Amino acid sequence: MAHPKRKISKQRRDKRRTHYKATAPTTIICSNCGASILYHRVCSECGYYKGKLAIEVAETE
């Protein structure tokens, strides 16, 4: 394993981390049931995607 010859300063270390920004995923409202879902995903509540039934969701009682 490589060992550094010189100490990396805090300023230099922190410059490497400037490009990363933690963001919350963007959500939309399902056009069929109104639930909040992620983009380009099948709705877990009703099973619809782009107005069409994609999967059959089992009903829980």
C-alpha atoms as a PDB file:
ATOM      1  CA  MET A   1       0.000   0.000   0.000  1.00  0.00           C
ATOM      2  CA  ALA A   2       1.310   3.438  -0.933  1.00  0.00           C
ATOM      3  CA  HIS A   3       2.349   5.914   1.758  1.00  0.00           C
ATOM      4  CA  PRO A   4       2.121   9.671   1.202  1.00  0.00           C
ATOM      5  CA  LYS A   5       5.382  11.608   1.325  1.00  0.00           C
ATOM      6  CA  ARG A   6       3.726  14.830   2.436  1.00  0.00           C
ATOM      7  CA  LYS A   7       0.657  15.676   4.482  1.00  0.00           C
ATOM      8  CA  ILE A   8      -2.330  16.715   2.377  1.00  0.00           C
ATOM      9  CA  SER A   9      -3.658  20.026   3.684  1.00  0.00           C
ATOM     10  CA  LYS A  10      -7.290  20.426   4.685  1.00  0.00           C
ATOM     11  CA  GLN A  11      -7.831  22.897   1.869  1.00  0.00           C
ATOM     12  CA  ARG A  12      -6.448  20.527  -0.769  1.00  0.00           C
ATOM     13  CA  ARG A  13      -8.416  17.582   0.656  1.00  0.00           C
ATOM     14  CA  ASP A  14     -11.661  19.564   0.652  1.00  0.00           C
ATOM     15  CA  LYS A  15     -11.177  20.680  -2.963  1.00  0.00           C
ATOM     16  CA  ARG A  16     -11.651  17.072  -4.055  1.00  0.00           C
ATOM     17  CA  ARG A  17     -15.074  16.980  -2.413  1.00  0.00           C
ATOM     18  CA  THR A  18     -16.566  20.147  -3.925  1.00  0.00           C
ATOM     19  CA  HIS A  19     -18.236  18.501  -6.936  1.00  0.00           C
ATOM     20  CA  TYR A  20     -20.430  16.146  -4.885  1.00  0.00           C
ATOM     21  CA  LYS A  21     -23.822  17.474  -3.868  1.00  0.00           C
ATOM     22  CA  ALA A  22     -26.298  15.276  -2.014  1.00  0.00           C
ATOM     23  CA  THR A  23     -29.788  15.865  -3.398  1.00  0.00           C
ATOM     24  CA  ALA A  24     -33.127  14.278  -2.697  1.00  0.00           C
ATOM     25  CA  PRO A  25     -34.578  12.212  -5.563  1.00  0.00           C
ATOM     26  CA  THR A  26     -37.186  13.977  -7.688  1.00  0.00           C
ATOM     27  CA  THR A  27     -40.684  12.607  -7.305  1.00  0.00           C
ATOM     28  CA  ILE A  28     -43.879  13.041  -9.320  1.00  0.00           C
ATOM     29  CA  ILE A  29     -47.550  12.354  -8.713  1.00  0.00           C
ATOM     30  CA  CYS A  30     -49.009   9.151 -10.199  1.00  0.00           C
ATOM     31  CA  SER A  31     -51.572  10.050 -12.853  1.00  0.00           C
ATOM     32  CA  ASN A  32     -53.754   7.074 -11.907  1.00  0.00           C
ATOM     33  CA  CYS A  33     -53.919   7.037  -8.100  1.00  0.00           C
ATOM     34  CA  GLY A  34     -52.172  10.249  -7.004  1.00  0.00           C
ATOM     35  CA  ALA A  35     -49.371   8.593  -5.024  1.00  0.00           C
ATOM     36  CA  SER A  36     -45.866  10.115  -4.977  1.00  0.00           C
ATOM     37  CA  ILE A  37     -43.433   8.044  -7.100  1.00  0.00           C
ATOM     38  CA  LEU A  38     -39.925   8.345  -8.575  1.00  0.00           C
ATOM     39  CA  TYR A  39     -39.495   9.273 -12.255  1.00  0.00           C
ATOM     40  CA  HIS A  40     -39.514   6.366 -14.745  1.00  0.00           C
ATOM     41  CA  ARG A  41     -40.751   3.875 -12.155  1.00  0.00           C
ATOM     42  CA  VAL A  42     -43.911   1.805 -11.932  1.00  0.00           C
ATOM     43  CA  CYS A  43     -46.246   3.040  -9.197  1.00  0.00           C
ATOM     44  CA  SER A  44     -46.028   0.679  -6.233  1.00  0.00           C
ATOM     45  CA  GLU A  45     -49.572   1.582  -5.125  1.00  0.00           C
ATOM     46  CA  CYS A  46     -51.528   0.804  -8.293  1.00  0.00           C
ATOM     47  CA  GLY A  47     -48.998  -0.786 -10.720  1.00  0.00           C
ATOM     48  CA  TYR A  48     -49.496   1.780 -13.504  1.00  0.00           C
ATOM     49  CA  TYR A  49     -46.765   3.370 -15.646  1.00  0.00           C
ATOM     50  CA  LYS A  50     -47.503   6.114 -18.199  1.00  0.00           C
ATOM     51  CA  GLY A  51     -51.247   5.523 -17.886  1.00  0.00           C
ATOM     52  CA  LYS A  52     -51.040   1.788 -18.630  1.00  0.00           C
ATOM     53  CA  LEU A  53     -51.185  -1.188 -16.281  1.00  0.00           C
ATOM     54  CA  ALA A  54     -47.622  -2.512 -15.997  1.00  0.00           C
ATOM     55  CA  ILE A  55     -47.889  -4.970 -13.095  1.00  0.00           C
ATOM     56  CA  GLU A  56     -50.690  -6.486 -11.080  1.00  0.00           C
ATOM     57  CA  VAL A  57     -50.500  -5.314  -7.466  1.00  0.00           C
ATOM     58  CA  ALA A  58     -51.814  -7.734  -4.847  1.00  0.00           C
ATOM     59  CA  GLU A  59     -54.443  -6.183  -2.612  1.00  0.00           C
ATOM     60  CA  THR A  60     -53.785  -6.375   1.134  1.00  0.00           C
ATOM     61  CA  GLU A  61     -56.638  -6.363   3.592  1.00  0.00           C
END
